[in-house]
Amino acid sequence: MGGSASTQQRVLDVVLSFAEDDTLPDLLRHVVESACELVGAPHGALAVINGHRELTEFTARQDGQVHVTEGDPRSIGAADFLGAPVEVGGEAFGTLFLSGKAEFSDQDRAVVTALATAAGSAIEHLCRYERARRREVWLRAAAEVTKDLLMGTAGRDALYLVATTARRTARAESAALVLPDHNGDLVVEVTDGGAFDAEGMRVHREGTASYRVYESGRSECLAEGTVPAVPGPCVVVPLRVGDRTIGVLVVAKPRGEPGFDDPEPVEAFAAQAALVLEFTRARADTERLAVLEERDRIARDLHDLVIQRLFGLGLGLQGLTGSGAGHRLTGRISEFVEEVDRTIREIRRSIFSLQEPPAGSTSLRGQLLNAVHESARMLGFEPDVSLEGPLDSVVPDPLRPDLLATLREALANVVRHARARHVAVVVSVNRTMTRLELTVTDDGRGLPLADDPGGGPHRAGGLANMAARARRHHGDCAVDSVPGAGVRVTWFVPLELQEVTWR
C-alpha cells in the first residue's frame, strides 16, 4: 500500500484496533466508520451476503451516524462508489462501499482494500472465537444437566430440565422435546417458553422437520417462518444414544433474531442429555425391578411359609375338636380356627397388594383382584385366585373390559345360584402368549337340568353374554356342570388375533 508513513501508521492502528471488538455488529460498524474517516468519505456501508448471494445485513454510515438498515449500497444516495470485497476463509462475506467524495484516489483504493482484507481476517478470528465460546457455553450446560440428572431428577422433570436448559443456553424464546410414543409416532412431550403450546400434540409424519431429523439423524437449521408453529428461526437436533435416535430437541429464537448457523454445539448438548436421560431411565427401571423382586420375595415367603404354618395350625386345632374335649373348649377352639382363617385371608390380601405395581394406574392384575375382592363380600368367603403369565404385558386394552365383565358375571352367578363354599379363579396366559383363559370353578349345586325351571332366564342370559364377549374377540366360552357338584366356566380368547399393545 502506497501513501505517506502517517497514513500507513493510521491504517495499521485501525487494523490492530479491530481485535478489540467482541461482537460482529460492533466490528462491522468499526470497519465502516474507520474506512470513512481514513478516506474522508461521508457515506459508507458494508453489505453482508449469504451463500445464496442474498443481502443479510447492511451496516451504513450517513450524516456521521453508523447504523444497520435494510437495502443496498445505492440507498446511501451518491453516484461515485469505491468498493472492496470482504472475504472470510476464502469465501465472499460481503462488500465494503464508500461514496460521497468528489474523487477517490489510488491511495484511497489501497486503504479501502487493506481495510477490507484486515476486516475479513478480523471477522474470521471473531467467528472462530464466537464458535469456541458458544461450544464452551453448551458444554457447561451439558455438564450442569448431567449433574442434576445424576443427582436424582427423573421422569418428566428430567425432560423439562433438558428443554429449559437448552432454551436458556441458546437465549432462545422456546424449546421442546419431541419423543416417539408406544406406536412410534412423534409427540411433543414437553415444552418450555412462549412459542410452543402443544404438549401432547402429535407431529405430522409428512413434510415436518422433526420427522426428517428423527429418521435421518441429521440436524437442520431452519429460517424464520419455516416451521408453522414457530415464528422465528429454529434448530432441530437429534437426541442420539449410540446409533439410536430417541427423539429430537427443537430450539427456537424470536422473530427477527439471527438464525442458528452452527448446530454442532446444540448437537453435543443434545447427545449428552440423551445419554444421561437413557441412563437415568435404565437406572429407574433397575430400581423398580429390584423393588418388585423384593416384593415378590416377600409375597412368596408369606405364601410358602407363613400361610402354610397357619394352615397347619388350623388343621391341628380342628383335630382337637373331635378328641373328646368339652363343649365349651370345642367352641373356643372353633373360634381360634376362624381367627386363623381370617388371618390367612388378610395375608393373602397383603400378597395381592405386594404383587401390584408400586405406583401409577391399576394394572390388569389389580383390576382382576379388585373384582374378586368385591365378590368376597357377597360370597361370605375369599375365593382362591391364581394369575399366571404376563397378563399386564400382552392382554390388549380392548380385550380387558370384556375379561373383567365376564369374571364379574361368573362370580355373580355363583353368588345368586350356587350356594358354594369354595370358588377358584384362574386367569392365565400360556407360555407361547397365544391364549388368554379365565376359569371360574365352584363346588355349589351345579346348573339345573334342561327341564328344571329353577334356573330362570337370567342364568341363561348371563352365560350367553359371557359367550358373546368371547366370540367378539374370536374366542369362546364353555360351561361344565355336574348337578350337586359345582360348575366350571372356561372363557378363552386367542391372543394372536388381537391387536396387542406392548407396555
Protein backbone atom coordinates (compact mmCIF):
# COMPACT_ATOMS: atom_id res chain seq x y z
CA MET A 1 0.00 0.00 0.00
CA GLY A 2 1.43 3.38 -1.10
CA GLY A 3 0.98 6.73 0.66
CA SER A 4 2.63 8.62 3.49
CA ALA A 5 4.05 6.98 6.57
CA SER A 6 1.45 8.68 8.72
CA THR A 7 -1.38 7.21 6.61
CA GLN A 8 0.19 3.75 6.80
CA GLN A 9 0.51 4.08 10.58
CA ARG A 10 -3.11 5.19 10.89
CA VAL A 11 -4.23 2.20 8.81
CA LEU A 12 -2.11 -0.14 10.94
CA ASP A 13 -3.53 1.30 14.15
CA VAL A 14 -7.06 0.85 12.82
CA VAL A 15 -6.37 -2.74 11.75
CA LEU A 16 -4.98 -3.56 15.21
CA SER A 17 -7.98 -1.97 16.87
CA PHE A 18 -10.32 -4.43 15.09
CA ALA A 19 -9.22 -7.05 17.65
CA GLU A 20 -10.92 -5.07 20.43
CA ASP A 21 -14.44 -5.70 19.10
CA ASP A 22 -16.27 -8.55 20.81
CA THR A 23 -19.32 -8.90 18.56
CA LEU A 24 -19.83 -8.99 14.81
CA PRO A 25 -22.15 -5.94 14.68
CA ASP A 26 -19.60 -3.88 16.63
CA LEU A 27 -16.81 -5.00 14.29
CA LEU A 28 -18.82 -4.16 11.15
CA ARG A 29 -19.64 -0.69 12.47
CA HIS A 30 -15.99 -0.17 13.37
CA VAL A 31 -14.86 -1.14 9.85
CA VAL A 32 -17.33 1.22 8.15
CA GLU A 33 -16.58 4.14 10.43
CA SER A 34 -12.79 3.69 10.15
CA ALA A 35 -12.92 3.44 6.34
CA CYS A 36 -14.94 6.67 6.09
CA GLU A 37 -12.54 8.54 8.37
CA LEU A 38 -9.34 7.29 6.68
CA VAL A 39 -10.59 8.02 3.16
CA GLY A 40 -12.58 11.12 4.02
CA ALA A 41 -15.87 9.80 2.61
CA PRO A 42 -19.13 10.99 4.20
CA HIS A 43 -21.01 7.80 3.37
CA GLY A 44 -20.01 4.18 3.80
CA ALA A 45 -21.61 0.74 4.01
CA LEU A 46 -20.72 -2.92 4.47
CA ALA A 47 -23.20 -5.22 2.76
CA VAL A 48 -23.13 -8.81 4.08
CA ILE A 49 -24.36 -11.62 1.82
CA ASN A 50 -25.08 -15.28 2.48
CA GLY A 51 -24.24 -18.33 0.41
CA HIS A 52 -27.22 -17.66 -1.83
CA ARG A 53 -25.94 -14.15 -2.64
CA GLU A 54 -28.77 -12.67 -0.58
CA LEU A 55 -28.25 -9.49 1.45
CA THR A 56 -28.45 -10.38 5.13
CA GLU A 57 -27.06 -7.26 6.83
CA PHE A 58 -26.37 -3.69 5.72
CA THR A 59 -24.21 -1.56 8.02
CA ALA A 60 -24.09 2.04 6.75
CA ARG A 61 -22.78 5.45 7.80
CA GLN A 62 -24.80 8.51 6.86
CA ASP A 63 -24.56 12.00 8.34
CA GLY A 64 -21.88 10.85 10.75
CA GLN A 65 -24.03 8.01 12.20
CA VAL A 66 -23.38 4.31 11.67
CA HIS A 67 -26.43 2.03 11.70
CA VAL A 68 -27.82 -1.22 10.34
CA THR A 69 -30.65 -0.96 7.85
CA GLU A 70 -32.38 -2.77 5.02
CA GLY A 71 -31.39 -2.00 1.44
CA ASP A 72 -28.35 -1.92 -0.81
CA PRO A 73 -25.39 0.43 -1.44
CA ARG A 74 -27.45 2.68 -3.70
CA SER A 75 -29.58 3.70 -0.72
CA ILE A 76 -26.80 5.99 0.58
CA GLY A 77 -27.62 8.33 -2.29
CA ALA A 78 -24.30 9.06 -4.04
CA ALA A 79 -23.22 8.40 -7.60
CA ASP A 80 -19.49 7.75 -7.11
CA PHE A 81 -18.66 4.48 -5.34
CA LEU A 82 -15.46 2.89 -4.09
CA GLY A 83 -15.86 -0.77 -3.18
CA ALA A 84 -13.68 -3.64 -2.00
CA PRO A 85 -14.73 -7.28 -1.40
CA VAL A 86 -14.52 -8.73 2.12
CA GLU A 87 -13.58 -12.42 2.16
CA VAL A 88 -13.67 -14.74 5.16
CA GLY A 89 -11.87 -18.05 4.87
CA GLY A 90 -11.51 -17.64 1.11
CA GLU A 91 -15.26 -17.16 0.61
CA ALA A 92 -17.20 -13.99 -0.15
CA PHE A 93 -18.60 -12.41 3.00
CA GLY A 94 -19.69 -9.03 1.71
CA THR A 95 -18.51 -5.76 0.18
CA LEU A 96 -17.21 -2.55 1.77
CA PHE A 97 -18.58 0.53 -0.06
CA LEU A 98 -17.64 4.22 0.26
CA SER A 99 -19.24 7.20 -1.51
CA GLY A 100 -19.90 10.93 -1.30
CA LYS A 101 -16.35 12.05 -2.07
CA ALA A 102 -15.73 14.05 -5.26
CA GLU A 103 -12.97 11.72 -6.39
CA PHE A 104 -11.29 8.64 -4.91
CA SER A 105 -7.50 8.41 -5.36
CA ASP A 106 -5.35 5.36 -5.81
CA GLN A 107 -4.29 5.74 -2.19
CA ASP A 108 -7.95 5.67 -1.16
CA ARG A 109 -8.44 2.46 -3.10
CA ALA A 110 -5.35 0.94 -1.47
CA VAL A 111 -6.58 1.95 2.00
CA VAL A 112 -10.05 0.52 1.42
CA THR A 113 -8.59 -2.71 0.00
CA ALA A 114 -6.29 -3.08 3.03
CA LEU A 115 -9.15 -2.43 5.43
CA ALA A 116 -11.37 -4.95 3.63
CA THR A 117 -8.62 -7.58 3.83
CA ALA A 118 -7.98 -6.85 7.51
CA ALA A 119 -11.72 -6.86 8.19
CA GLY A 120 -12.01 -10.34 6.64
CA SER A 121 -9.24 -11.65 8.91
CA ALA A 122 -10.78 -9.98 11.97
CA ILE A 123 -14.23 -11.36 11.15
CA GLU A 124 -12.81 -14.87 10.69
CA HIS A 125 -11.00 -14.64 14.03
CA LEU A 126 -14.13 -13.30 15.74
CA CYS A 127 -16.30 -16.07 14.26
CA ARG A 128 -13.84 -18.71 15.47
CA TYR A 129 -13.80 -17.15 18.90
CA GLU A 130 -17.59 -16.95 18.97
CA ARG A 131 -17.95 -20.61 17.93
CA ALA A 132 -15.49 -21.66 20.64
CA ARG A 133 -17.34 -19.54 23.20
CA ARG A 134 -20.71 -20.99 22.21
CA ARG A 135 -19.31 -24.51 22.32
CA GLU A 136 -17.96 -23.87 25.80
CA VAL A 137 -21.32 -22.49 26.96
CA TRP A 138 -23.17 -25.54 25.62
CA LEU A 139 -20.64 -27.93 27.14
CA ARG A 140 -21.07 -26.20 30.50
CA ALA A 141 -24.83 -26.52 30.14
CA ALA A 142 -24.50 -30.22 29.31
CA ALA A 143 -22.37 -30.72 32.42
CA GLU A 144 -24.96 -28.99 34.61
CA VAL A 145 -27.79 -31.10 33.16
CA THR A 146 -25.74 -34.26 33.66
CA LYS A 147 -25.08 -33.37 37.30
CA ASP A 148 -28.75 -32.63 38.01
CA LEU A 149 -29.97 -35.79 36.30
CA LEU A 150 -27.43 -37.98 38.08
CA MET A 151 -28.43 -36.36 41.39
CA GLY A 152 -31.90 -37.84 41.02
CA THR A 153 -34.01 -35.69 38.67
CA ALA A 154 -36.10 -38.16 36.69
CA GLY A 155 -39.31 -38.63 34.71
CA ARG A 156 -40.95 -35.57 33.19
CA ASP A 157 -38.89 -33.31 35.46
CA ALA A 158 -35.79 -34.57 33.65
CA LEU A 159 -37.33 -33.76 30.26
CA TYR A 160 -38.32 -30.27 31.40
CA LEU A 161 -34.80 -29.73 32.72
CA VAL A 162 -33.29 -30.50 29.31
CA ALA A 163 -35.75 -28.25 27.45
CA THR A 164 -35.35 -25.34 29.88
CA THR A 165 -31.55 -25.54 29.88
CA ALA A 166 -31.44 -25.63 26.07
CA ARG A 167 -33.67 -22.56 25.80
CA ARG A 168 -31.70 -20.54 28.32
CA THR A 169 -28.33 -21.53 26.89
CA ALA A 170 -29.36 -20.52 23.36
CA ARG A 171 -31.04 -17.35 24.69
CA ALA A 172 -34.00 -18.57 22.70
CA GLU A 173 -37.70 -17.97 23.07
CA SER A 174 -38.78 -21.58 23.37
CA ALA A 175 -37.66 -25.20 23.32
CA ALA A 176 -39.39 -28.56 23.05
CA LEU A 177 -38.59 -32.26 23.30
CA VAL A 178 -40.36 -34.37 20.68
CA LEU A 179 -40.35 -38.09 21.51
CA PRO A 180 -41.91 -41.22 19.99
CA ASP A 181 -44.91 -42.81 21.72
CA HIS A 182 -45.54 -46.55 22.04
CA ASN A 183 -46.76 -46.63 18.43
CA GLY A 184 -43.64 -44.90 17.11
CA ASP A 185 -45.45 -41.64 16.33
CA LEU A 186 -43.70 -38.42 17.35
CA VAL A 187 -45.40 -36.41 20.10
CA VAL A 188 -44.46 -33.04 21.61
CA GLU A 189 -43.66 -34.38 25.07
CA VAL A 190 -42.58 -31.23 26.95
CA THR A 191 -42.22 -27.55 26.04
CA ASP A 192 -40.58 -24.55 27.66
CA GLY A 193 -41.14 -20.97 26.55
CA GLY A 194 -43.72 -18.95 24.70
CA ALA A 195 -43.81 -20.18 21.10
CA PHE A 196 -44.89 -23.73 21.95
CA ASP A 197 -48.25 -24.54 23.49
CA ALA A 198 -48.61 -28.02 22.14
CA GLU A 199 -47.69 -30.62 24.77
CA GLY A 200 -49.23 -33.93 23.76
CA MET A 201 -49.69 -32.86 20.13
CA ARG A 202 -48.82 -35.44 17.50
CA VAL A 203 -46.38 -34.39 14.79
CA HIS A 204 -47.38 -34.94 11.18
CA ARG A 205 -45.19 -37.51 9.52
CA GLU A 206 -45.10 -35.83 6.11
CA GLY A 207 -43.08 -32.69 5.50
CA THR A 208 -42.04 -31.91 9.08
CA ALA A 209 -38.50 -31.14 10.19
CA SER A 210 -38.92 -33.18 13.39
CA TYR A 211 -39.60 -36.38 11.44
CA ARG A 212 -36.81 -35.67 8.96
CA VAL A 213 -34.29 -35.19 11.75
CA TYR A 214 -35.64 -38.15 13.75
CA GLU A 215 -35.40 -40.52 10.79
CA SER A 216 -32.14 -39.22 9.28
CA GLY A 217 -30.26 -38.35 12.48
CA ARG A 218 -29.03 -35.11 10.86
CA SER A 219 -29.67 -31.67 12.34
CA GLU A 220 -31.44 -28.87 10.49
CA CYS A 221 -31.12 -25.10 10.96
CA LEU A 222 -34.37 -23.54 9.76
CA ALA A 223 -35.01 -19.95 8.77
CA GLU A 224 -37.73 -17.73 10.15
CA GLY A 225 -41.22 -18.81 9.12
CA THR A 226 -40.17 -22.30 8.00
CA VAL A 227 -41.97 -24.10 10.85
CA PRO A 228 -45.66 -23.05 11.07
CA ALA A 229 -45.85 -23.30 14.88
CA VAL A 230 -42.58 -21.40 15.37
CA PRO A 231 -42.46 -17.81 14.07
CA GLY A 232 -38.69 -17.31 14.47
CA PRO A 233 -35.64 -19.25 13.27
CA CYS A 234 -35.00 -22.58 14.95
CA VAL A 235 -32.67 -25.56 15.09
CA VAL A 236 -33.81 -29.20 15.25
CA VAL A 237 -31.22 -31.69 16.50
CA PRO A 238 -31.49 -35.43 17.18
CA LEU A 239 -31.32 -36.95 20.66
CA ARG A 240 -28.93 -39.79 19.90
CA VAL A 241 -27.73 -42.65 22.08
CA GLY A 242 -25.11 -44.59 20.14
CA ASP A 243 -26.66 -45.41 16.78
CA ARG A 244 -30.24 -44.89 18.03
CA THR A 245 -32.28 -41.70 17.87
CA ILE A 246 -34.65 -41.49 20.84
CA GLY A 247 -36.23 -38.14 19.92
CA VAL A 248 -35.44 -34.60 18.79
CA LEU A 249 -34.77 -31.27 20.50
CA VAL A 250 -36.25 -28.10 18.97
CA VAL A 251 -34.89 -24.68 20.00
CA ALA A 252 -36.49 -21.54 18.54
CA LYS A 253 -35.48 -17.87 18.67
CA PRO A 254 -37.87 -14.91 18.50
CA ARG A 255 -38.93 -13.47 15.18
CA GLY A 256 -36.28 -11.15 13.71
CA GLU A 257 -33.36 -12.72 15.60
CA PRO A 258 -30.34 -14.17 13.73
CA GLY A 259 -30.75 -17.86 12.97
CA PHE A 260 -28.62 -20.80 14.04
CA ASP A 261 -25.61 -21.05 11.75
CA ASP A 262 -23.80 -23.86 13.57
CA PRO A 263 -25.81 -26.74 15.09
CA GLU A 264 -22.76 -28.60 16.45
CA PRO A 265 -22.80 -27.14 19.99
CA VAL A 266 -26.51 -27.90 20.31
CA GLU A 267 -25.90 -31.39 18.92
CA ALA A 268 -23.21 -32.02 21.56
CA PHE A 269 -25.57 -30.85 24.30
CA ALA A 270 -28.42 -32.99 22.97
CA ALA A 271 -26.21 -36.09 22.68
CA GLN A 272 -25.01 -35.72 26.27
CA ALA A 273 -28.53 -35.06 27.55
CA ALA A 274 -29.92 -38.06 25.64
CA LEU A 275 -27.24 -40.34 27.06
CA VAL A 276 -27.95 -39.26 30.62
CA LEU A 277 -31.73 -39.44 30.11
CA GLU A 278 -31.37 -43.00 28.88
CA PHE A 279 -29.08 -43.83 31.80
CA THR A 280 -31.50 -42.40 34.39
CA ARG A 281 -34.38 -44.23 32.74
CA ALA A 282 -32.45 -47.50 32.86
CA ARG A 283 -31.49 -46.83 36.48
CA ALA A 284 -35.11 -46.15 37.40
CA ASP A 285 -36.17 -49.39 35.68
CA THR A 286 -33.47 -51.28 37.58
CA GLU A 287 -34.58 -49.81 40.90
CA ARG A 288 -38.22 -50.55 40.11
CA LEU A 289 -37.32 -54.12 39.18
CA ALA A 290 -35.40 -54.53 42.42
CA VAL A 291 -38.42 -53.31 44.40
CA LEU A 292 -40.75 -55.66 42.52
CA GLU A 293 -38.38 -58.59 43.01
CA GLU A 294 -38.20 -57.86 46.74
CA ARG A 295 -41.98 -57.62 46.95
CA ASP A 296 -42.30 -60.91 45.07
CA ARG A 297 -39.85 -62.50 47.51
CA ILE A 298 -41.86 -61.26 50.48
CA ALA A 299 -45.07 -62.48 48.86
CA ARG A 300 -43.55 -65.92 48.24
CA ASP A 301 -42.30 -66.13 51.81
CA LEU A 302 -45.72 -65.18 53.16
CA HIS A 303 -47.41 -67.74 50.93
CA ASP A 304 -44.92 -70.59 51.29
CA LEU A 305 -44.02 -70.19 54.97
CA VAL A 306 -46.50 -68.15 57.00
CA ILE A 307 -49.73 -69.28 55.35
CA GLN A 308 -48.66 -72.93 55.37
CA ARG A 309 -47.82 -72.78 59.07
CA LEU A 310 -51.11 -71.08 59.87
CA PHE A 311 -52.94 -73.62 57.74
CA GLY A 312 -51.22 -76.44 59.64
CA LEU A 313 -52.10 -74.78 62.94
CA GLY A 314 -55.72 -74.51 61.86
CA LEU A 315 -55.83 -78.22 60.95
CA GLY A 316 -54.31 -79.11 64.30
CA LEU A 317 -56.89 -77.06 66.15
CA GLN A 318 -59.69 -78.62 64.15
CA GLY A 319 -58.36 -82.03 65.10
CA LEU A 320 -58.73 -81.18 68.78
CA THR A 321 -62.45 -80.57 68.40
CA GLY A 322 -63.09 -84.27 67.90
CA SER A 323 -60.76 -85.55 70.65
CA GLY A 324 -63.40 -85.70 73.37
CA ALA A 325 -62.94 -82.15 74.58
CA GLY A 326 -65.80 -80.45 76.35
CA HIS A 327 -68.43 -78.40 74.55
CA ARG A 328 -67.03 -75.12 75.86
CA LEU A 329 -63.47 -76.00 74.88
CA THR A 330 -64.65 -77.10 71.44
CA GLY A 331 -66.32 -73.73 70.90
CA ARG A 332 -63.16 -71.86 71.88
CA ILE A 333 -61.09 -73.99 69.51
CA SER A 334 -63.54 -73.28 66.67
CA GLU A 335 -63.16 -69.57 67.36
CA PHE A 336 -59.37 -69.94 67.10
CA VAL A 337 -59.77 -71.81 63.82
CA GLU A 338 -61.95 -69.00 62.44
CA GLU A 339 -59.36 -66.44 63.56
CA VAL A 340 -56.63 -68.38 61.75
CA ASP A 341 -58.79 -68.42 58.60
CA ARG A 342 -59.30 -64.66 58.84
CA THR A 343 -55.54 -64.17 59.28
CA ILE A 344 -54.85 -66.29 56.22
CA ARG A 345 -57.28 -64.18 54.17
CA GLU A 346 -55.63 -60.96 55.36
CA ILE A 347 -52.20 -62.29 54.45
CA ARG A 348 -53.48 -63.25 51.01
CA ARG A 349 -54.76 -59.71 50.52
CA SER A 350 -51.31 -58.45 51.52
CA ILE A 351 -49.74 -60.80 48.97
CA PHE A 352 -52.06 -59.48 46.26
CA SER A 353 -51.20 -55.87 47.14
CA LEU A 354 -47.48 -56.68 47.07
CA GLN A 355 -47.90 -58.01 43.57
CA GLU A 356 -49.44 -54.71 42.41
CA PRO A 357 -47.25 -52.04 40.72
CA PRO A 358 -45.84 -49.57 43.27
CA ALA A 359 -47.38 -46.54 41.53
CA GLY A 360 -49.45 -45.46 38.55
CA SER A 361 -52.76 -46.69 37.24
CA THR A 362 -54.16 -50.04 38.35
CA SER A 363 -52.79 -52.92 36.32
CA LEU A 364 -54.92 -55.69 34.83
CA ARG A 365 -53.85 -57.94 37.69
CA GLY A 366 -55.04 -55.32 40.14
CA GLN A 367 -58.37 -54.94 38.36
CA LEU A 368 -58.91 -58.71 38.44
CA LEU A 369 -58.07 -58.88 42.14
CA ASN A 370 -60.41 -55.99 42.89
CA ALA A 371 -63.25 -57.78 41.10
CA VAL A 372 -62.61 -60.93 43.15
CA HIS A 373 -62.44 -58.97 46.41
CA GLU A 374 -65.77 -57.30 45.61
CA SER A 375 -67.41 -60.72 45.21
CA ALA A 376 -65.97 -61.93 48.55
CA ARG A 377 -68.33 -59.67 50.47
CA MET A 378 -71.34 -61.26 48.75
CA LEU A 379 -70.00 -64.83 48.84
CA GLY A 380 -69.08 -64.65 52.51
CA PHE A 381 -65.61 -66.06 51.88
CA GLU A 382 -62.47 -65.24 49.88
CA PRO A 383 -62.15 -67.09 46.54
CA ASP A 384 -58.82 -68.66 45.65
CA VAL A 385 -57.11 -66.64 42.91
CA SER A 386 -54.30 -67.60 40.57
CA LEU A 387 -52.94 -65.11 37.99
CA GLU A 388 -50.47 -66.73 35.62
CA GLY A 389 -48.33 -65.38 32.80
CA PRO A 390 -47.60 -61.85 31.51
CA LEU A 391 -51.17 -60.56 31.79
CA ASP A 392 -50.22 -56.89 32.06
CA SER A 393 -47.92 -57.06 29.03
CA VAL A 394 -49.78 -58.99 26.37
CA VAL A 395 -53.51 -58.57 27.02
CA PRO A 396 -54.57 -55.62 24.82
CA ASP A 397 -56.69 -52.78 26.16
CA PRO A 398 -59.80 -53.51 24.00
CA LEU A 399 -60.00 -57.04 25.46
CA ARG A 400 -59.73 -56.11 29.14
CA PRO A 401 -63.28 -54.76 29.76
CA ASP A 402 -64.83 -57.99 28.43
CA LEU A 403 -62.48 -60.13 30.52
CA LEU A 404 -63.40 -58.22 33.69
CA ALA A 405 -67.11 -58.23 32.85
CA THR A 406 -67.02 -62.00 32.31
CA LEU A 407 -65.27 -62.55 35.64
CA ARG A 408 -67.85 -60.43 37.49
CA GLU A 409 -70.73 -62.20 35.71
CA ALA A 410 -69.37 -65.64 36.59
CA LEU A 411 -68.87 -64.69 40.25
CA ALA A 412 -72.32 -63.09 40.40
CA ASN A 413 -73.85 -66.35 39.13
CA VAL A 414 -72.09 -68.20 41.94
CA VAL A 415 -73.49 -65.74 44.48
CA ARG A 416 -77.05 -65.94 43.14
CA HIS A 417 -77.38 -69.64 42.40
CA ALA A 418 -74.56 -71.92 43.51
CA ARG A 419 -74.65 -71.88 47.34
CA ALA A 420 -70.96 -72.73 47.10
CA ARG A 421 -68.44 -72.93 49.94
CA HIS A 422 -65.38 -72.71 47.71
CA VAL A 423 -64.60 -70.82 44.48
CA ALA A 424 -61.36 -70.89 42.47
CA VAL A 425 -60.48 -68.25 39.87
CA VAL A 426 -57.63 -68.77 37.40
CA VAL A 427 -56.63 -66.18 34.78
CA SER A 428 -53.68 -67.21 32.64
CA VAL A 429 -51.67 -66.52 29.51
CA ASN A 430 -49.97 -69.62 28.14
CA ARG A 431 -46.21 -69.94 27.58
CA THR A 432 -46.41 -69.08 23.88
CA MET A 433 -48.53 -65.99 24.72
CA THR A 434 -51.17 -67.08 22.20
CA ARG A 435 -54.14 -67.78 24.50
CA LEU A 436 -55.86 -65.95 27.35
CA GLU A 437 -58.01 -68.16 29.56
CA LEU A 438 -60.32 -67.47 32.50
CA THR A 439 -61.76 -70.31 34.58
CA VAL A 440 -64.16 -69.93 37.49
CA THR A 441 -64.87 -73.15 39.41
CA ASP A 442 -67.27 -73.60 42.34
CA ASP A 443 -68.42 -76.55 44.48
CA GLY A 444 -72.06 -75.50 44.53
CA ARG A 445 -75.31 -77.08 43.30
CA GLY A 446 -74.42 -77.07 39.63
CA LEU A 447 -76.62 -75.92 36.77
CA PRO A 448 -80.26 -77.08 36.70
CA LEU A 449 -81.31 -79.72 34.20
CA ALA A 450 -82.89 -78.63 30.93
CA ASP A 451 -86.45 -79.28 32.23
CA ASP A 452 -85.78 -77.57 35.56
CA PRO A 453 -87.37 -74.11 35.59
CA GLY A 454 -85.38 -73.05 38.62
CA GLY A 455 -82.55 -71.59 36.66
CA GLY A 456 -84.67 -68.87 35.11
CA PRO A 457 -83.90 -66.75 32.09
CA HIS A 458 -81.30 -64.65 33.87
CA ARG A 459 -78.87 -67.54 34.21
CA ALA A 460 -79.16 -68.44 30.55
CA GLY A 461 -78.79 -64.81 29.63
CA GLY A 462 -75.67 -64.42 31.77
CA LEU A 463 -73.95 -67.41 30.16
CA ALA A 464 -74.96 -66.16 26.72
CA ASN A 465 -73.46 -62.76 27.50
CA MET A 466 -70.15 -64.35 28.50
CA ALA A 467 -70.07 -66.40 25.30
CA ALA A 468 -70.87 -63.31 23.21
CA ARG A 469 -67.99 -61.39 24.83
CA ALA A 470 -65.60 -64.21 23.96
CA ARG A 471 -66.78 -64.50 20.34
CA ARG A 472 -66.36 -60.73 19.95
CA HIS A 473 -62.61 -61.43 20.24
CA HIS A 474 -62.65 -64.70 18.20
CA GLY A 475 -62.85 -66.85 21.34
CA ASP A 476 -65.49 -68.96 23.06
CA CYS A 477 -66.95 -69.90 26.43
CA ALA A 478 -67.56 -73.42 27.73
CA VAL A 479 -69.60 -74.40 30.81
CA ASP A 480 -69.20 -77.79 32.51
CA SER A 481 -71.62 -78.72 35.27
CA VAL A 482 -72.37 -81.75 37.43
CA PRO A 483 -75.61 -81.43 39.40
CA GLY A 484 -74.76 -81.19 43.06
CA ALA A 485 -71.02 -80.96 42.37
CA GLY A 486 -70.48 -77.46 41.02
CA VAL A 487 -69.83 -75.56 37.80
CA ARG A 488 -66.70 -74.80 35.83
CA VAL A 489 -66.78 -71.85 33.41
CA THR A 490 -63.92 -71.70 30.88
CA TRP A 491 -63.65 -68.45 28.88
CA PHE A 492 -60.80 -68.21 26.35
CA VAL A 493 -59.58 -65.84 23.62
CA PRO A 494 -56.74 -66.34 21.06
CA LEU A 495 -54.22 -63.54 21.63
CA GLU A 496 -52.55 -63.89 18.23
CA LEU A 497 -55.72 -62.50 16.65
CA GLN A 498 -55.70 -59.39 18.88
CA GLU A 499 -54.01 -56.05 18.33
CA VAL A 500 -51.51 -56.26 21.17
CA THR A 501 -50.27 -53.06 22.83
CA TRP A 502 -46.89 -53.58 24.43
CA ARG A 503 -46.48 -51.64 27.67
